[in-house]
Amino acid sequence: MLGMEIDPLPEDVRQYLRQHFSEVNDELPQGDSYVFSMKLASGERREIKVHRELSEFSGVIAAYLNEHNFAARLERGNVEISEPLRG
C-alpha cells in the first residue's frame, strides 16, 4: 500500500449520511475536502464537503454531525464543514 494510511473520517461521515439519506456517493475531492453526495427523500441531490484536517473528529464525527443536525441542514442546501462549529 505504499505506506498510505487509511483515514477513518470519510467512513464516519458515510455512515452518518447513510442513516439519513439514500444513494450516498463519494465524489472527487475538492482541494483539501472530502466530498459526498446524497439523495433526499424528495429526489433532490445534495453535497457535503468535509475538510480533511477535521480528522481529529474521527471516531466522534457522527455525534458531531448529529449534535449540529446536519441532516436537516442538508435538506435546505449543500453544506461545507471547514472548521468545527462553536457552541
PDB file of N, CA and C in Angstrom:
ATOM      1  N   MET A   1       0.806  -1.195   0.000  1.00  0.00           N
ATOM      2  CA  MET A   1       0.000   0.000   0.000  1.00  0.00           C
ATOM      3  C   MET A   1       0.850   1.261   0.000  1.00  0.00           C
ATOM      4  N   LEU A   2       2.095   1.155  -0.206  1.00  0.00           N
ATOM      5  CA  LEU A   2       2.990   2.291  -0.325  1.00  0.00           C
ATOM      6  C   LEU A   2       2.956   3.230   0.877  1.00  0.00           C
ATOM      7  N   GLY A   3       2.716   2.682   2.060  1.00  0.00           N
ATOM      8  CA  GLY A   3       2.778   3.479   3.275  1.00  0.00           C
ATOM      9  C   GLY A   3       1.615   4.446   3.469  1.00  0.00           C
ATOM     10  N   MET A   4       0.544   4.288   2.709  1.00  0.00           N
ATOM     11  CA  MET A   4      -0.594   5.195   2.865  1.00  0.00           C
ATOM     12  C   MET A   4      -1.427   4.777   4.069  1.00  0.00           C
ATOM     13  N   GLU A   5      -1.836   5.771   4.857  1.00  0.00           N
ATOM     14  CA  GLU A   5      -2.690   5.490   5.990  1.00  0.00           C
ATOM     15  C   GLU A   5      -4.140   5.636   5.574  1.00  0.00           C
ATOM     16  N   ILE A   6      -4.990   4.802   6.148  1.00  0.00           N
ATOM     17  CA  ILE A   6      -6.414   4.907   5.881  1.00  0.00           C
ATOM     18  C   ILE A   6      -6.995   5.929   6.849  1.00  0.00           C
ATOM     19  N   ASP A   7      -7.724   6.892   6.316  1.00  0.00           N
ATOM     20  CA  ASP A   7      -8.333   7.937   7.132  1.00  0.00           C
ATOM     21  C   ASP A   7      -9.743   7.500   7.509  1.00  0.00           C
ATOM     22  N   PRO A   8     -10.031   7.319   8.800  1.00  0.00           N
ATOM     23  CA  PRO A   8     -11.370   6.882   9.197  1.00  0.00           C
ATOM     24  C   PRO A   8     -12.439   7.965   9.067  1.00  0.00           C
ATOM     25  N   LEU A   9     -12.055   9.228   8.911  1.00  0.00           N
ATOM     26  CA  LEU A   9     -13.028  10.318   8.829  1.00  0.00           C
ATOM     27  C   LEU A   9     -14.052  10.102   7.722  1.00  0.00           C
ATOM     28  N   PRO A  10     -13.648   9.802   6.488  1.00  0.00           N
ATOM     29  CA  PRO A  10     -14.656   9.616   5.437  1.00  0.00           C
ATOM     30  C   PRO A  10     -15.651   8.498   5.763  1.00  0.00           C
ATOM     31  N   GLU A  11     -15.199   7.410   6.362  1.00  0.00           N
ATOM     32  CA  GLU A  11     -16.110   6.311   6.680  1.00  0.00           C
ATOM     33  C   GLU A  11     -17.114   6.734   7.747  1.00  0.00           C
ATOM     34  N   ASP A  12     -16.684   7.504   8.730  1.00  0.00           N
ATOM     35  CA  ASP A  12     -17.605   8.011   9.761  1.00  0.00           C
ATOM     36  C   ASP A  12     -18.674   8.900   9.132  1.00  0.00           C
ATOM     37  N   VAL A  13     -18.273   9.760   8.204  1.00  0.00           N
ATOM     38  CA  VAL A  13     -19.227  10.649   7.532  1.00  0.00           C
ATOM     39  C   VAL A  13     -20.186   9.826   6.682  1.00  0.00           C
ATOM     40  N   ARG A  14     -19.665   8.841   5.936  1.00  0.00           N
ATOM     41  CA  ARG A  14     -20.508   7.969   5.112  1.00  0.00           C
ATOM     42  C   ARG A  14     -21.573   7.274   5.949  1.00  0.00           C
ATOM     43  N   GLN A  15     -21.168   6.727   7.101  1.00  0.00           N
ATOM     44  CA  GLN A  15     -22.115   6.006   7.962  1.00  0.00           C
ATOM     45  C   GLN A  15     -23.230   6.937   8.424  1.00  0.00           C
ATOM     46  N   TYR A  16     -22.886   8.148   8.826  1.00  0.00           N
ATOM     47  CA  TYR A  16     -23.898   9.120   9.251  1.00  0.00           C
ATOM     48  C   TYR A  16     -24.868   9.416   8.100  1.00  0.00           C
ATOM     49  N   LEU A  17     -24.332   9.702   6.935  1.00  0.00           N
ATOM     50  CA  LEU A  17     -25.166  10.052   5.790  1.00  0.00           C
ATOM     51  C   LEU A  17     -26.092   8.904   5.404  1.00  0.00           C
ATOM     52  N   ARG A  18     -25.596   7.677   5.471  1.00  0.00           N
ATOM     53  CA  ARG A  18     -26.414   6.513   5.099  1.00  0.00           C
ATOM     54  C   ARG A  18     -27.566   6.294   6.074  1.00  0.00           C
ATOM     55  N   GLN A  19     -27.448   6.789   7.290  1.00  0.00           N
ATOM     56  CA  GLN A  19     -28.544   6.681   8.261  1.00  0.00           C
ATOM     57  C   GLN A  19     -29.692   7.621   7.900  1.00  0.00           C
ATOM     58  N   HIS A  20     -29.395   8.696   7.165  1.00  0.00           N
ATOM     59  CA  HIS A  20     -30.389   9.733   6.905  1.00  0.00           C
ATOM     60  C   HIS A  20     -30.802   9.861   5.441  1.00  0.00           C
ATOM     61  N   PHE A  21     -29.975   9.369   4.526  1.00  0.00           N
ATOM     62  CA  PHE A  21     -30.214   9.595   3.102  1.00  0.00           C
ATOM     63  C   PHE A  21     -29.965   8.326   2.297  1.00  0.00           C
ATOM     64  N   SER A  22     -30.456   8.331   1.068  1.00  0.00           N
ATOM     65  CA  SER A  22     -30.195   7.214   0.164  1.00  0.00           C
ATOM     66  C   SER A  22     -29.160   7.638  -0.868  1.00  0.00           C
ATOM     67  N   GLU A  23     -28.629   6.665  -1.555  1.00  0.00           N
ATOM     68  CA  GLU A  23     -27.658   6.903  -2.626  1.00  0.00           C
ATOM     69  C   GLU A  23     -26.534   7.843  -2.207  1.00  0.00           C
ATOM     70  N   VAL A  24     -25.834   7.470  -1.154  1.00  0.00           N
ATOM     71  CA  VAL A  24     -24.678   8.241  -0.694  1.00  0.00           C
ATOM     72  C   VAL A  24     -23.474   7.828  -1.528  1.00  0.00           C
ATOM     73  N   ASN A  25     -22.821   8.819  -2.151  1.00  0.00           N
ATOM     74  CA  ASN A  25     -21.684   8.542  -3.027  1.00  0.00           C
ATOM     75  C   ASN A  25     -20.480   9.395  -2.646  1.00  0.00           C
ATOM     76  N   ASP A  26     -19.303   8.820  -2.827  1.00  0.00           N
ATOM     77  CA  ASP A  26     -18.070   9.590  -2.715  1.00  0.00           C
ATOM     78  C   ASP A  26     -17.871  10.317  -4.036  1.00  0.00           C
ATOM     79  N   GLU A  27     -17.556  11.579  -3.962  1.00  0.00           N
ATOM     80  CA  GLU A  27     -17.252  12.362  -5.156  1.00  0.00           C
ATOM     81  C   GLU A  27     -15.755  12.664  -5.164  1.00  0.00           C
ATOM     82  N   LEU A  28     -15.270  13.235  -6.238  1.00  0.00           N
ATOM     83  CA  LEU A  28     -13.859  13.605  -6.299  1.00  0.00           C
ATOM     84  C   LEU A  28     -13.574  14.662  -5.237  1.00  0.00           C
ATOM     85  N   PRO A  29     -12.446  14.542  -4.549  1.00  0.00           N
ATOM     86  CA  PRO A  29     -12.093  15.567  -3.551  1.00  0.00           C
ATOM     87  C   PRO A  29     -11.994  16.937  -4.212  1.00  0.00           C
ATOM     88  N   GLN A  30     -12.289  17.963  -3.440  1.00  0.00           N
ATOM     89  CA  GLN A  30     -12.148  19.338  -3.912  1.00  0.00           C
ATOM     90  C   GLN A  30     -11.171  20.033  -2.976  1.00  0.00           C
ATOM     91  N   GLY A  31      -9.992  20.312  -3.481  1.00  0.00           N
ATOM     92  CA  GLY A  31      -8.950  20.893  -2.636  1.00  0.00           C
ATOM     93  C   GLY A  31      -8.615  19.948  -1.507  1.00  0.00           C
ATOM     94  N   ASP A  32      -8.733  20.440  -0.277  1.00  0.00           N
ATOM     95  CA  ASP A  32      -8.434  19.638   0.909  1.00  0.00           C
ATOM     96  C   ASP A  32      -9.688  19.056   1.544  1.00  0.00           C
ATOM     97  N   SER A  33     -10.766  18.946   0.784  1.00  0.00           N
ATOM     98  CA  SER A  33     -12.029  18.459   1.344  1.00  0.00           C
ATOM     99  C   SER A  33     -12.475  17.152   0.707  1.00  0.00           C
ATOM    100  N   TYR A  34     -13.004  16.256   1.559  1.00  0.00           N
ATOM    101  CA  TYR A  34     -13.719  15.090   1.077  1.00  0.00           C
ATOM    102  C   TYR A  34     -15.088  15.592   0.640  1.00  0.00           C
ATOM    103  N   VAL A  35     -15.641  15.016  -0.423  1.00  0.00           N
ATOM    104  CA  VAL A  35     -16.946  15.437  -0.922  1.00  0.00           C
ATOM    105  C   VAL A  35     -17.833  14.197  -1.054  1.00  0.00           C
ATOM    106  N   PHE A  36     -19.054  14.324  -0.536  1.00  0.00           N
ATOM    107  CA  PHE A  36     -20.034  13.251  -0.616  1.00  0.00           C
ATOM    108  C   PHE A  36     -21.324  13.829  -1.185  1.00  0.00           C
ATOM    109  N   SER A  37     -22.021  13.035  -1.976  1.00  0.00           N
ATOM    110  CA  SER A  37     -23.338  13.456  -2.456  1.00  0.00           C
ATOM    111  C   SER A  37     -24.351  12.433  -1.955  1.00  0.00           C
ATOM    112  N   MET A  38     -25.597  12.894  -1.834  1.00  0.00           N
ATOM    113  CA  MET A  38     -26.649  12.006  -1.375  1.00  0.00           C
ATOM    114  C   MET A  38     -27.962  12.439  -1.997  1.00  0.00           C
ATOM    115  N   LYS A  39     -28.939  11.544  -1.930  1.00  0.00           N
ATOM    116  CA  LYS A  39     -30.256  11.818  -2.493  1.00  0.00           C
ATOM    117  C   LYS A  39     -31.239  12.015  -1.348  1.00  0.00           C
ATOM    118  N   LEU A  40     -31.980  13.130  -1.392  1.00  0.00           N
ATOM    119  CA  LEU A  40     -33.004  13.416  -0.398  1.00  0.00           C
ATOM    120  C   LEU A  40     -34.271  12.611  -0.713  1.00  0.00           C
ATOM    121  N   ALA A  41     -35.172  12.531   0.254  1.00  0.00           N
ATOM    122  CA  ALA A  41     -36.448  11.839   0.031  1.00  0.00           C
ATOM    123  C   ALA A  41     -37.210  12.472  -1.134  1.00  0.00           C
ATOM    124  N   SER A  42     -37.021  13.770  -1.348  1.00  0.00           N
ATOM    125  CA  SER A  42     -37.690  14.487  -2.441  1.00  0.00           C
ATOM    126  C   SER A  42     -37.100  14.137  -3.802  1.00  0.00           C
ATOM    127  N   GLY A  43     -35.959  13.450  -3.796  1.00  0.00           N
ATOM    128  CA  GLY A  43     -35.281  13.110  -5.037  1.00  0.00           C
ATOM    129  C   GLY A  43     -34.172  14.082  -5.401  1.00  0.00           C
ATOM    130  N   GLU A  44     -34.113  15.219  -4.691  1.00  0.00           N
ATOM    131  CA  GLU A  44     -33.052  16.200  -4.949  1.00  0.00           C
ATOM    132  C   GLU A  44     -31.712  15.645  -4.476  1.00  0.00           C
ATOM    133  N   ARG A  45     -30.645  16.116  -5.110  1.00  0.00           N
ATOM    134  CA  ARG A  45     -29.282  15.738  -4.713  1.00  0.00           C
ATOM    135  C   ARG A  45     -28.695  16.846  -3.855  1.00  0.00           C
ATOM    136  N   ARG A  46     -27.925  16.467  -2.872  1.00  0.00           N
ATOM    137  CA  ARG A  46     -27.209  17.412  -2.025  1.00  0.00           C
ATOM    138  C   ARG A  46     -25.766  16.964  -1.925  1.00  0.00           C
ATOM    139  N   GLU A  47     -24.915  17.882  -1.464  1.00  0.00           N
ATOM    140  CA  GLU A  47     -23.484  17.623  -1.343  1.00  0.00           C
ATOM    141  C   GLU A  47     -22.987  18.161  -0.011  1.00  0.00           C
ATOM    142  N   ILE A  48     -22.099  17.394   0.604  1.00  0.00           N
ATOM    143  CA  ILE A  48     -21.436  17.860   1.820  1.00  0.00           C
ATOM    144  C   ILE A  48     -19.937  17.731   1.599  1.00  0.00           C
ATOM    145  N   LYS A  49     -19.212  18.787   1.987  1.00  0.00           N
ATOM    146  CA  LYS A  49     -17.753  18.798   1.927  1.00  0.00           C
ATOM    147  C   LYS A  49     -17.242  18.838   3.359  1.00  0.00           C
ATOM    148  N   VAL A  50     -16.265  17.998   3.649  1.00  0.00           N
ATOM    149  CA  VAL A  50     -15.673  17.950   4.981  1.00  0.00           C
ATOM    150  C   VAL A  50     -14.159  18.078   4.833  1.00  0.00           C
ATOM    151  N   HIS A  51     -13.602  19.119   5.417  1.00  0.00           N
ATOM    152  CA  HIS A  51     -12.166  19.359   5.310  1.00  0.00           C
ATOM    153  C   HIS A  51     -11.402  18.224   5.973  1.00  0.00           C
ATOM    154  N   ARG A  52     -10.379  17.733   5.302  1.00  0.00           N
ATOM    155  CA  ARG A  52      -9.647  16.577   5.832  1.00  0.00           C
ATOM    156  C   ARG A  52      -8.907  16.881   7.124  1.00  0.00           C
ATOM    157  N   GLU A  53      -8.646  18.136   7.418  1.00  0.00           N
ATOM    158  CA  GLU A  53      -7.980  18.468   8.683  1.00  0.00           C
ATOM    159  C   GLU A  53      -8.889  18.239   9.885  1.00  0.00           C
ATOM    160  N   LEU A  54     -10.166  17.946   9.647  1.00  0.00           N
ATOM    161  CA  LEU A  54     -11.071  17.627  10.744  1.00  0.00           C
ATOM    162  C   LEU A  54     -10.933  16.174  11.174  1.00  0.00           C
ATOM    163  N   SER A  55      -9.866  15.510  10.720  1.00  0.00           N
ATOM    164  CA  SER A  55      -9.651  14.114  11.087  1.00  0.00           C
ATOM    165  C   SER A  55      -9.537  13.935  12.593  1.00  0.00           C
ATOM    166  N   GLU A  56      -9.273  15.030  13.331  1.00  0.00           N
ATOM    167  CA  GLU A  56      -9.253  14.954  14.791  1.00  0.00           C
ATOM    168  C   GLU A  56     -10.614  14.541  15.330  1.00  0.00           C
ATOM    169  N   PHE A  57     -11.664  14.682  14.503  1.00  0.00           N
ATOM    170  CA  PHE A  57     -13.007  14.290  14.910  1.00  0.00           C
ATOM    171  C   PHE A  57     -13.325  12.847  14.536  1.00  0.00           C
ATOM    172  N   SER A  58     -12.375  12.137  13.919  1.00  0.00           N
ATOM    173  CA  SER A  58     -12.610  10.739  13.590  1.00  0.00           C
ATOM    174  C   SER A  58     -12.989   9.997  14.861  1.00  0.00           C
ATOM    175  N   GLY A  59     -14.010   9.190  14.763  1.00  0.00           N
ATOM    176  CA  GLY A  59     -14.494   8.465  15.922  1.00  0.00           C
ATOM    177  C   GLY A  59     -15.625   9.180  16.636  1.00  0.00           C
ATOM    178  N   VAL A  60     -15.696  10.498  16.491  1.00  0.00           N
ATOM    179  CA  VAL A  60     -16.782  11.257  17.115  1.00  0.00           C
ATOM    180  C   VAL A  60     -17.521  12.121  16.090  1.00  0.00           C
ATOM    181  N   ILE A  61     -17.151  12.003  14.810  1.00  0.00           N
ATOM    182  CA  ILE A  61     -17.771  12.860  13.796  1.00  0.00           C
ATOM    183  C   ILE A  61     -19.266  12.594  13.679  1.00  0.00           C
ATOM    184  N   ALA A  62     -19.714  11.340  13.824  1.00  0.00           N
ATOM    185  CA  ALA A  62     -21.150  11.053  13.736  1.00  0.00           C
ATOM    186  C   ALA A  62     -21.899  11.795  14.840  1.00  0.00           C
ATOM    187  N   ALA A  63     -21.369  11.802  16.053  1.00  0.00           N
ATOM    188  CA  ALA A  63     -22.003  12.535  17.152  1.00  0.00           C
ATOM    189  C   ALA A  63     -21.996  14.029  16.862  1.00  0.00           C
ATOM    190  N   TYR A  64     -20.907  14.527  16.312  1.00  0.00           N
ATOM    191  CA  TYR A  64     -20.791  15.942  15.939  1.00  0.00           C
ATOM    192  C   TYR A  64     -21.846  16.306  14.897  1.00  0.00           C
ATOM    193  N   LEU A  65     -22.005  15.455  13.871  1.00  0.00           N
ATOM    194  CA  LEU A  65     -22.986  15.708  12.828  1.00  0.00           C
ATOM    195  C   LEU A  65     -24.403  15.656  13.386  1.00  0.00           C
ATOM    196  N   ASN A  66     -24.667  14.696  14.277  1.00  0.00           N
ATOM    197  CA  ASN A  66     -25.983  14.611  14.919  1.00  0.00           C
ATOM    198  C   ASN A  66     -26.254  15.819  15.797  1.00  0.00           C
ATOM    199  N   GLU A  67     -25.291  16.180  16.620  1.00  0.00           N
ATOM    200  CA  GLU A  67     -25.455  17.296  17.563  1.00  0.00           C
ATOM    201  C   GLU A  67     -25.791  18.597  16.843  1.00  0.00           C
ATOM    202  N   HIS A  68     -25.213  18.797  15.678  1.00  0.00           N
ATOM    203  CA  HIS A  68     -25.429  20.031  14.926  1.00  0.00           C
ATOM    204  C   HIS A  68     -26.453  19.855  13.801  1.00  0.00           C
ATOM    205  N   ASN A  69     -27.172  18.717  13.838  1.00  0.00           N
ATOM    206  CA  ASN A  69     -28.302  18.439  12.951  1.00  0.00           C
ATOM    207  C   ASN A  69     -27.989  18.677  11.461  1.00  0.00           C
ATOM    208  N   PHE A  70     -26.915  18.058  11.019  1.00  0.00           N
ATOM    209  CA  PHE A  70     -26.515  18.224   9.627  1.00  0.00           C
ATOM    210  C   PHE A  70     -27.499  17.609   8.648  1.00  0.00           C
ATOM    211  N   ALA A  71     -28.272  16.610   9.065  1.00  0.00           N
ATOM    212  CA  ALA A  71     -29.275  16.044   8.159  1.00  0.00           C
ATOM    213  C   ALA A  71     -30.290  17.123   7.779  1.00  0.00           C
ATOM    214  N   ALA A  72     -30.744  17.902   8.750  1.00  0.00           N
ATOM    215  CA  ALA A  72     -31.698  18.985   8.470  1.00  0.00           C
ATOM    216  C   ALA A  72     -31.045  20.081   7.634  1.00  0.00           C
ATOM    217  N   ARG A  73     -29.800  20.386   7.899  1.00  0.00           N
ATOM    218  CA  ARG A  73     -29.088  21.401   7.112  1.00  0.00           C
ATOM    219  C   ARG A  73     -28.990  20.986   5.651  1.00  0.00           C
ATOM    220  N   LEU A  74     -28.738  19.695   5.425  1.00  0.00           N
ATOM    221  CA  LEU A  74     -28.626  19.201   4.053  1.00  0.00           C
ATOM    222  C   LEU A  74     -29.969  19.223   3.333  1.00  0.00           C
ATOM    223  N   GLU A  75     -31.056  19.130   4.080  1.00  0.00           N
ATOM    224  CA  GLU A  75     -32.385  19.244   3.454  1.00  0.00           C
ATOM    225  C   GLU A  75     -32.563  20.633   2.847  1.00  0.00           C
ATOM    226  N   ARG A  76     -31.918  21.622   3.442  1.00  0.00           N
ATOM    227  CA  ARG A  76     -32.054  23.012   2.976  1.00  0.00           C
ATOM    228  C   ARG A  76     -31.055  23.374   1.879  1.00  0.00           C
ATOM    229  N   GLY A  77     -29.913  22.682   1.831  1.00  0.00           N
ATOM    230  CA  GLY A  77     -28.908  23.005   0.821  1.00  0.00           C
ATOM    231  C   GLY A  77     -27.601  22.282   1.077  1.00  0.00           C
ATOM    232  N   ASN A  78     -26.641  22.487   0.197  1.00  0.00           N
ATOM    233  CA  ASN A  78     -25.325  21.891   0.350  1.00  0.00           C
ATOM    234  C   ASN A  78     -24.644  22.447   1.594  1.00  0.00           C
ATOM    235  N   VAL A  79     -23.723  21.673   2.151  1.00  0.00           N
ATOM    236  CA  VAL A  79     -23.042  22.045   3.389  1.00  0.00           C
ATOM    237  C   VAL A  79     -21.545  21.863   3.208  1.00  0.00           C
ATOM    238  N   GLU A  80     -20.791  22.770   3.808  1.00  0.00           N
ATOM    239  CA  GLU A  80     -19.330  22.638   3.842  1.00  0.00           C
ATOM    240  C   GLU A  80     -18.891  22.780   5.286  1.00  0.00           C
ATOM    241  N   ILE A  81     -18.078  21.843   5.755  1.00  0.00           N
ATOM    242  CA  ILE A  81     -17.533  21.897   7.112  1.00  0.00           C
ATOM    243  C   ILE A  81     -16.028  22.094   6.976  1.00  0.00           C
ATOM    244  N   SER A  82     -15.585  23.304   7.229  1.00  0.00           N
ATOM    245  CA  SER A  82     -14.162  23.587   7.087  1.00  0.00           C
ATOM    246  C   SER A  82     -13.485  23.772   8.439  1.00  0.00           C
ATOM    247  N   GLU A  83     -14.301  23.966   9.484  1.00  0.00           N
ATOM    248  CA  GLU A  83     -13.766  24.051  10.840  1.00  0.00           C
ATOM    249  C   GLU A  83     -14.870  23.673  11.808  1.00  0.00           C
ATOM    250  N   PRO A  84     -14.512  23.226  12.999  1.00  0.00           N
ATOM    251  CA  PRO A  84     -15.522  22.828  13.980  1.00  0.00           C
ATOM    252  C   PRO A  84     -16.428  24.001  14.337  1.00  0.00           C
ATOM    253  N   LEU A  85     -17.692  23.703  14.545  1.00  0.00           N
ATOM    254  CA  LEU A  85     -18.622  24.734  14.989  1.00  0.00           C
ATOM    255  C   LEU A  85     -18.388  25.025  16.455  1.00  0.00           C
ATOM    256  N   ARG A  86     -18.653  26.214  16.847  1.00  0.00           N
ATOM    257  CA  ARG A  86     -18.510  26.608  18.251  1.00  0.00           C
ATOM    258  C   ARG A  86     -19.899  26.804  18.826  1.00  0.00           C
ATOM    259  N   GLY A  87     -20.133  26.158  19.969  1.00  0.00           N
ATOM    260  CA  GLY A  87     -21.395  26.377  20.702  1.00  0.00           C
ATOM    261  C   GLY A  87     -22.581  26.039  20.004  1.00  0.00           C
TER     262      GLY A  87
END
